[in-house]
N, C-alpha and C. Protein backbone atom coordinates (compact mmCIF):
# COMPACT_ATOMS: atom_id res chain seq x y z
N MET A 1 191.62 36.22 254.75
CA MET A 1 190.22 36.60 254.68
C MET A 1 189.76 36.97 256.10
N ASP A 2 189.21 38.18 256.27
CA ASP A 2 188.75 38.57 257.60
C ASP A 2 187.35 37.98 257.88
N LYS A 3 186.86 38.22 259.10
CA LYS A 3 185.59 37.62 259.53
C LYS A 3 184.40 38.04 258.65
N ASP A 4 184.36 39.30 258.28
CA ASP A 4 183.25 39.79 257.47
C ASP A 4 183.26 39.15 256.08
N GLU A 5 184.43 39.09 255.47
CA GLU A 5 184.56 38.43 254.17
C GLU A 5 184.14 36.96 254.26
N LYS A 6 184.60 36.31 255.33
CA LYS A 6 184.29 34.90 255.52
C LYS A 6 182.78 34.71 255.68
N LEU A 7 182.13 35.58 256.44
CA LEU A 7 180.69 35.50 256.64
C LEU A 7 179.95 35.59 255.30
N LEU A 8 180.27 36.60 254.51
CA LEU A 8 179.59 36.78 253.23
C LEU A 8 179.88 35.62 252.29
N HIS A 9 181.11 35.17 252.28
CA HIS A 9 181.50 34.05 251.42
C HIS A 9 180.72 32.79 251.80
N MET A 10 180.64 32.49 253.09
CA MET A 10 179.91 31.31 253.54
C MET A 10 178.42 31.41 253.21
N LEU A 11 177.84 32.58 253.39
CA LEU A 11 176.42 32.76 253.08
C LEU A 11 176.14 32.55 251.60
N MET A 12 176.97 33.14 250.76
CA MET A 12 176.76 33.01 249.32
C MET A 12 176.96 31.55 248.87
N ASP A 13 177.90 30.86 249.50
CA ASP A 13 178.12 29.45 249.17
C ASP A 13 176.98 28.57 249.68
N PHE A 14 176.43 28.93 250.83
CA PHE A 14 175.39 28.14 251.48
C PHE A 14 174.08 28.11 250.69
N ASP A 15 173.68 29.26 250.17
CA ASP A 15 172.34 29.36 249.60
C ASP A 15 172.38 30.06 248.23
N PRO A 16 172.13 29.32 247.17
CA PRO A 16 172.17 29.92 245.84
C PRO A 16 171.05 30.94 245.58
N THR A 17 170.05 31.01 246.47
CA THR A 17 169.00 32.00 246.28
C THR A 17 169.39 33.37 246.83
N ILE A 18 170.50 33.45 247.58
CA ILE A 18 170.98 34.75 248.06
C ILE A 18 171.55 35.51 246.88
N ARG A 19 170.98 36.67 246.62
CA ARG A 19 171.39 37.51 245.49
C ARG A 19 172.47 38.49 245.90
N PHE A 20 172.34 39.04 247.10
CA PHE A 20 173.20 40.14 247.55
C PHE A 20 173.32 40.02 249.06
N ALA A 21 174.51 40.26 249.58
CA ALA A 21 174.71 40.28 251.03
C ALA A 21 175.70 41.40 251.34
N ALA A 22 175.41 42.14 252.41
CA ALA A 22 176.26 43.27 252.79
C ALA A 22 176.31 43.38 254.31
N ILE A 23 177.39 43.96 254.78
CA ILE A 23 177.52 44.32 256.19
C ILE A 23 177.69 45.83 256.23
N VAL A 24 176.86 46.46 257.07
CA VAL A 24 176.91 47.92 257.19
C VAL A 24 177.27 48.30 258.61
N ASP A 25 177.88 49.49 258.73
CA ASP A 25 178.20 50.00 260.07
C ASP A 25 177.00 50.73 260.65
N LYS A 26 177.17 51.31 261.83
CA LYS A 26 176.04 51.93 262.52
C LYS A 26 175.49 53.17 261.82
N THR A 27 176.21 53.70 260.83
CA THR A 27 175.70 54.84 260.07
C THR A 27 175.01 54.40 258.78
N GLY A 28 175.05 53.10 258.48
CA GLY A 28 174.45 52.60 257.25
C GLY A 28 175.42 52.53 256.08
N THR A 29 176.68 52.83 256.34
CA THR A 29 177.70 52.75 255.30
C THR A 29 178.08 51.30 255.06
N ILE A 30 178.08 50.90 253.80
CA ILE A 30 178.45 49.53 253.47
C ILE A 30 179.94 49.33 253.71
N GLU A 31 180.26 48.36 254.56
CA GLU A 31 181.65 48.03 254.84
C GLU A 31 182.17 47.01 253.83
N ILE A 32 181.32 46.05 253.48
CA ILE A 32 181.69 45.00 252.54
C ILE A 32 180.40 44.42 251.98
N TYR A 33 180.46 43.98 250.72
CA TYR A 33 179.28 43.33 250.14
C TYR A 33 179.71 42.29 249.13
N SER A 34 178.76 41.42 248.82
CA SER A 34 178.96 40.39 247.81
C SER A 34 177.67 40.27 247.01
N GLN A 35 177.82 40.13 245.70
CA GLN A 35 176.66 40.00 244.84
C GLN A 35 176.84 38.76 243.98
N ARG A 36 175.76 38.01 243.81
CA ARG A 36 175.78 36.80 243.00
C ARG A 36 176.16 37.16 241.56
N ASP A 37 177.14 36.46 241.02
CA ASP A 37 177.57 36.68 239.64
C ASP A 37 176.43 36.41 238.67
N GLY A 38 176.34 37.26 237.65
CA GLY A 38 175.39 37.04 236.57
C GLY A 38 173.99 37.52 236.83
N LEU A 39 173.73 38.08 238.02
CA LEU A 39 172.38 38.58 238.32
C LEU A 39 172.30 40.08 238.12
N LYS A 40 171.20 40.52 237.58
CA LYS A 40 170.94 41.94 237.40
C LYS A 40 170.32 42.50 238.68
N ASN A 41 170.76 43.68 239.08
CA ASN A 41 170.16 44.35 240.23
C ASN A 41 168.70 44.66 239.94
N LEU A 42 167.83 44.30 240.85
CA LEU A 42 166.42 44.66 240.72
C LEU A 42 166.18 46.06 241.25
N VAL A 43 166.97 46.45 242.23
CA VAL A 43 166.86 47.77 242.86
C VAL A 43 168.17 48.51 242.60
N PRO A 44 168.11 49.76 242.15
CA PRO A 44 169.35 50.51 241.94
C PRO A 44 170.19 50.56 243.23
N PHE A 45 171.51 50.52 243.07
CA PHE A 45 172.41 50.46 244.22
C PHE A 45 172.22 51.64 245.17
N ASP A 46 171.98 52.83 244.64
CA ASP A 46 171.76 54.00 245.52
C ASP A 46 170.50 53.82 246.37
N GLU A 47 169.47 53.20 245.81
CA GLU A 47 168.25 52.93 246.59
C GLU A 47 168.51 51.85 247.64
N THR A 48 169.34 50.88 247.30
CA THR A 48 169.72 49.86 248.29
C THR A 48 170.42 50.50 249.48
N LYS A 49 171.28 51.46 249.21
CA LYS A 49 171.98 52.17 250.30
C LYS A 49 170.97 52.88 251.21
N GLN A 50 169.94 53.48 250.63
CA GLN A 50 168.91 54.15 251.43
C GLN A 50 168.10 53.12 252.22
N THR A 51 167.81 51.98 251.60
CA THR A 51 167.10 50.90 252.29
C THR A 51 167.88 50.45 253.51
N LEU A 52 169.18 50.33 253.39
CA LEU A 52 170.03 49.92 254.51
C LEU A 52 169.90 50.91 255.67
N LYS A 53 169.90 52.18 255.37
CA LYS A 53 169.78 53.20 256.42
C LYS A 53 168.40 53.12 257.10
N ARG A 54 167.37 52.89 256.30
CA ARG A 54 166.01 52.75 256.88
C ARG A 54 165.93 51.50 257.76
N ALA A 55 166.56 50.42 257.32
CA ALA A 55 166.54 49.18 258.11
C ALA A 55 167.27 49.37 259.44
N LEU A 56 168.40 50.05 259.42
CA LEU A 56 169.12 50.34 260.67
C LEU A 56 168.27 51.19 261.60
N HIS A 57 167.60 52.17 261.02
CA HIS A 57 166.74 53.04 261.83
C HIS A 57 165.61 52.23 262.47
N ALA A 58 165.05 51.28 261.71
CA ALA A 58 163.98 50.44 262.25
C ALA A 58 164.49 49.60 263.41
N TRP A 59 165.71 49.05 263.29
CA TRP A 59 166.27 48.27 264.41
C TRP A 59 166.48 49.17 265.63
N ASP A 60 166.92 50.39 265.41
CA ASP A 60 167.10 51.33 266.52
C ASP A 60 165.76 51.62 267.20
N GLU A 61 164.73 51.85 266.41
CA GLU A 61 163.40 52.11 266.95
C GLU A 61 162.87 50.90 267.73
N ASN A 62 163.06 49.71 267.18
CA ASN A 62 162.57 48.50 267.84
C ASN A 62 163.32 48.18 269.13
N ALA A 63 164.51 48.73 269.28
CA ALA A 63 165.29 48.49 270.49
C ALA A 63 164.60 49.05 271.73
N ARG A 64 163.66 49.95 271.54
CA ARG A 64 162.94 50.53 272.68
C ARG A 64 162.09 49.50 273.42
N VAL A 65 161.71 48.41 272.76
CA VAL A 65 160.88 47.41 273.41
C VAL A 65 161.66 46.16 273.82
N LYS A 66 162.98 46.18 273.64
CA LYS A 66 163.75 44.96 273.94
C LYS A 66 163.71 44.58 275.41
N SER A 67 163.47 45.54 276.30
CA SER A 67 163.35 45.18 277.72
C SER A 67 162.10 44.35 277.98
N PHE A 68 161.13 44.44 277.09
CA PHE A 68 159.90 43.66 277.22
C PHE A 68 159.97 42.32 276.48
N ILE A 69 160.59 42.32 275.30
CA ILE A 69 160.55 41.12 274.45
C ILE A 69 161.91 40.53 274.12
N GLY A 70 162.98 41.17 274.56
CA GLY A 70 164.32 40.66 274.29
C GLY A 70 164.92 41.29 273.03
N ASN A 71 166.18 40.95 272.79
CA ASN A 71 166.88 41.47 271.61
C ASN A 71 166.32 40.85 270.33
N GLY A 72 166.29 41.65 269.28
CA GLY A 72 165.86 41.15 267.98
C GLY A 72 166.90 40.20 267.41
N LYS A 73 166.43 39.17 266.73
CA LYS A 73 167.31 38.17 266.11
C LYS A 73 167.48 38.44 264.62
N TYR A 74 166.37 38.66 263.92
CA TYR A 74 166.40 38.94 262.49
C TYR A 74 165.05 39.49 262.08
N SER A 75 165.02 40.03 260.87
CA SER A 75 163.76 40.52 260.30
C SER A 75 163.72 40.11 258.84
N ILE A 76 162.55 39.68 258.38
CA ILE A 76 162.35 39.31 256.98
C ILE A 76 161.21 40.14 256.42
N ALA A 77 161.46 40.77 255.27
CA ALA A 77 160.41 41.44 254.52
C ALA A 77 160.30 40.72 253.19
N SER A 78 159.10 40.31 252.86
CA SER A 78 158.89 39.53 251.64
C SER A 78 158.13 40.36 250.61
N TYR A 79 158.66 40.40 249.41
CA TYR A 79 158.05 41.11 248.29
C TYR A 79 157.81 40.10 247.17
N LYS A 80 157.16 40.51 246.11
CA LYS A 80 156.86 39.58 245.02
C LYS A 80 158.14 38.97 244.43
N LYS A 81 159.19 39.78 244.26
CA LYS A 81 160.40 39.30 243.58
C LYS A 81 161.52 38.89 244.51
N ILE A 82 161.59 39.47 245.70
CA ILE A 82 162.70 39.16 246.62
C ILE A 82 162.23 39.12 248.07
N LYS A 83 163.09 38.58 248.91
CA LYS A 83 162.97 38.71 250.35
C LYS A 83 164.18 39.51 250.81
N ARG A 84 163.98 40.35 251.80
CA ARG A 84 165.08 41.10 252.41
C ARG A 84 165.20 40.63 253.85
N ILE A 85 166.41 40.30 254.23
CA ILE A 85 166.67 39.83 255.59
C ILE A 85 167.69 40.76 256.23
N THR A 86 167.40 41.16 257.47
CA THR A 86 168.39 41.92 258.24
C THR A 86 168.66 41.18 259.54
N VAL A 87 169.93 41.19 259.94
CA VAL A 87 170.37 40.54 261.17
C VAL A 87 171.31 41.49 261.89
N PRO A 88 170.96 41.91 263.11
CA PRO A 88 171.90 42.76 263.85
C PRO A 88 173.14 41.95 264.24
N LEU A 89 174.31 42.57 264.08
CA LEU A 89 175.58 41.89 264.36
C LEU A 89 176.26 42.40 265.63
N GLY A 90 175.67 43.37 266.29
CA GLY A 90 176.29 43.96 267.48
C GLY A 90 177.07 45.21 267.11
N SER A 91 177.31 46.05 268.08
CA SER A 91 178.02 47.32 267.89
C SER A 91 177.39 48.18 266.79
N GLY A 92 176.08 48.06 266.62
CA GLY A 92 175.38 48.88 265.64
C GLY A 92 175.51 48.39 264.21
N ARG A 93 176.21 47.31 263.99
CA ARG A 93 176.40 46.77 262.64
C ARG A 93 175.25 45.83 262.27
N MET A 94 175.05 45.64 260.96
CA MET A 94 173.93 44.84 260.50
C MET A 94 174.32 44.07 259.24
N LEU A 95 173.82 42.83 259.17
CA LEU A 95 173.91 42.03 257.96
C LEU A 95 172.62 42.24 257.18
N PHE A 96 172.74 42.42 255.89
CA PHE A 96 171.60 42.63 255.00
C PHE A 96 171.73 41.67 253.83
N CYS A 97 170.70 40.88 253.58
CA CYS A 97 170.71 39.94 252.45
C CYS A 97 169.42 40.09 251.65
N THR A 98 169.55 39.92 250.36
CA THR A 98 168.35 39.78 249.53
C THR A 98 168.39 38.40 248.91
N LEU A 99 167.22 37.77 248.85
CA LEU A 99 167.08 36.42 248.31
C LEU A 99 166.00 36.42 247.24
N ASN A 100 166.13 35.50 246.30
CA ASN A 100 165.06 35.31 245.32
C ASN A 100 163.80 34.93 246.08
N ASN A 101 162.67 35.30 245.53
CA ASN A 101 161.39 34.94 246.14
C ASN A 101 160.51 34.25 245.11
N GLU A 102 161.09 33.34 244.37
CA GLU A 102 160.32 32.61 243.39
C GLU A 102 159.39 31.64 244.11
N PRO A 103 158.16 31.54 243.63
CA PRO A 103 157.23 30.63 244.30
C PRO A 103 157.61 29.17 244.10
N MET A 104 157.23 28.36 245.08
CA MET A 104 157.38 26.92 244.91
C MET A 104 156.40 26.50 243.83
N LYS A 105 156.67 25.40 243.18
CA LYS A 105 155.81 24.93 242.08
C LYS A 105 154.39 24.66 242.54
N LYS A 106 154.25 23.94 243.63
CA LYS A 106 152.92 23.62 244.16
C LYS A 106 152.93 23.87 245.66
N GLY A 107 151.81 24.37 246.14
CA GLY A 107 151.67 24.53 247.57
C GLY A 107 151.39 23.20 248.24
N ILE A 108 151.56 23.15 249.52
CA ILE A 108 151.31 21.93 250.27
C ILE A 108 149.84 21.55 250.20
N PHE A 109 148.95 22.54 250.29
CA PHE A 109 147.52 22.26 250.36
C PHE A 109 146.76 22.59 249.08
N SER A 110 147.47 23.01 248.06
CA SER A 110 146.76 23.32 246.81
C SER A 110 147.67 23.05 245.62
N GLN A 111 147.09 23.11 244.46
CA GLN A 111 147.85 22.90 243.23
C GLN A 111 148.38 24.23 242.67
N LYS A 112 148.06 25.32 243.33
CA LYS A 112 148.51 26.63 242.88
C LYS A 112 149.92 26.90 243.40
N LYS A 113 150.55 27.93 242.84
CA LYS A 113 151.87 28.32 243.30
C LYS A 113 151.78 28.80 244.75
N SER A 114 152.85 28.60 245.48
CA SER A 114 152.89 29.03 246.87
C SER A 114 154.08 29.94 247.10
N TYR A 115 153.84 31.07 247.73
CA TYR A 115 154.92 31.98 248.10
C TYR A 115 155.36 31.73 249.53
N GLY A 116 155.06 30.59 250.06
CA GLY A 116 155.37 30.26 251.44
C GLY A 116 156.79 29.81 251.67
N HIS A 117 157.61 29.75 250.63
CA HIS A 117 159.00 29.33 250.79
C HIS A 117 159.72 30.32 251.70
N LEU A 118 160.23 29.83 252.79
CA LEU A 118 160.90 30.69 253.75
C LEU A 118 162.41 30.59 253.61
N ALA A 119 163.09 31.62 254.01
CA ALA A 119 164.55 31.57 254.07
C ALA A 119 164.93 30.61 255.19
N ASP A 120 166.02 29.93 255.04
CA ASP A 120 166.46 28.98 256.06
C ASP A 120 167.22 29.75 257.15
N MET A 121 166.47 30.45 257.99
CA MET A 121 167.07 31.34 258.98
C MET A 121 167.92 30.59 260.00
N GLY A 122 167.56 29.36 260.32
CA GLY A 122 168.37 28.60 261.28
C GLY A 122 169.80 28.45 260.78
N LYS A 123 169.95 28.11 259.53
CA LYS A 123 171.30 27.95 258.97
C LYS A 123 172.00 29.29 258.81
N ILE A 124 171.27 30.30 258.38
CA ILE A 124 171.88 31.63 258.23
C ILE A 124 172.39 32.12 259.58
N LEU A 125 171.57 32.00 260.62
CA LEU A 125 172.00 32.45 261.95
C LEU A 125 173.13 31.59 262.49
N SER A 126 173.15 30.31 262.16
CA SER A 126 174.26 29.45 262.58
C SER A 126 175.57 29.91 261.97
N ILE A 127 175.53 30.31 260.70
CA ILE A 127 176.74 30.82 260.05
C ILE A 127 177.17 32.13 260.72
N VAL A 128 176.23 33.02 260.99
CA VAL A 128 176.55 34.28 261.67
C VAL A 128 177.20 34.00 263.02
N ASP A 129 176.60 33.10 263.82
CA ASP A 129 177.16 32.77 265.13
C ASP A 129 178.53 32.14 265.02
N PHE A 130 178.72 31.24 264.05
CA PHE A 130 180.01 30.59 263.84
C PHE A 130 181.09 31.63 263.58
N ILE A 131 180.81 32.59 262.72
CA ILE A 131 181.80 33.63 262.39
C ILE A 131 182.05 34.53 263.59
N LYS A 132 181.02 34.88 264.33
CA LYS A 132 181.20 35.73 265.53
C LYS A 132 182.13 35.07 266.54
N GLU A 133 182.10 33.74 266.63
CA GLU A 133 182.92 33.02 267.62
C GLU A 133 184.37 32.86 267.17
N GLN A 134 184.66 33.14 265.90
CA GLN A 134 186.03 33.00 265.41
C GLN A 134 186.90 34.11 265.98
N LYS A 135 188.15 33.79 266.21
CA LYS A 135 189.09 34.81 266.74
C LYS A 135 189.79 35.53 265.63
């Protein structure tokens, strides 16, 4: 199992809310991906490919301010049904994950549903760093 396979495997094992994970090259071409068994795609695969290219372009655009604020670590976009996470991997490559965005049963401060459930980015980034350090 190579590093990319290991990364996706560990991510999918780590968090059952991860629906889809992919690694793309600097052109937005999917190098490898993993999808949770038994789940229906919410977004057609061709549209996901276009989303990946737009996300890479956004990281390229944001790189113009890195001298002021430092390198980007990750980005999360939250929608009613899913969260999309992108993590730059270096050499123009990017990790892309989609996660379920089901609300928590009760909010901390109210009895209503809360969409405040966040992805556990500390653990996700720890897995990414662990794989990067492997030889």
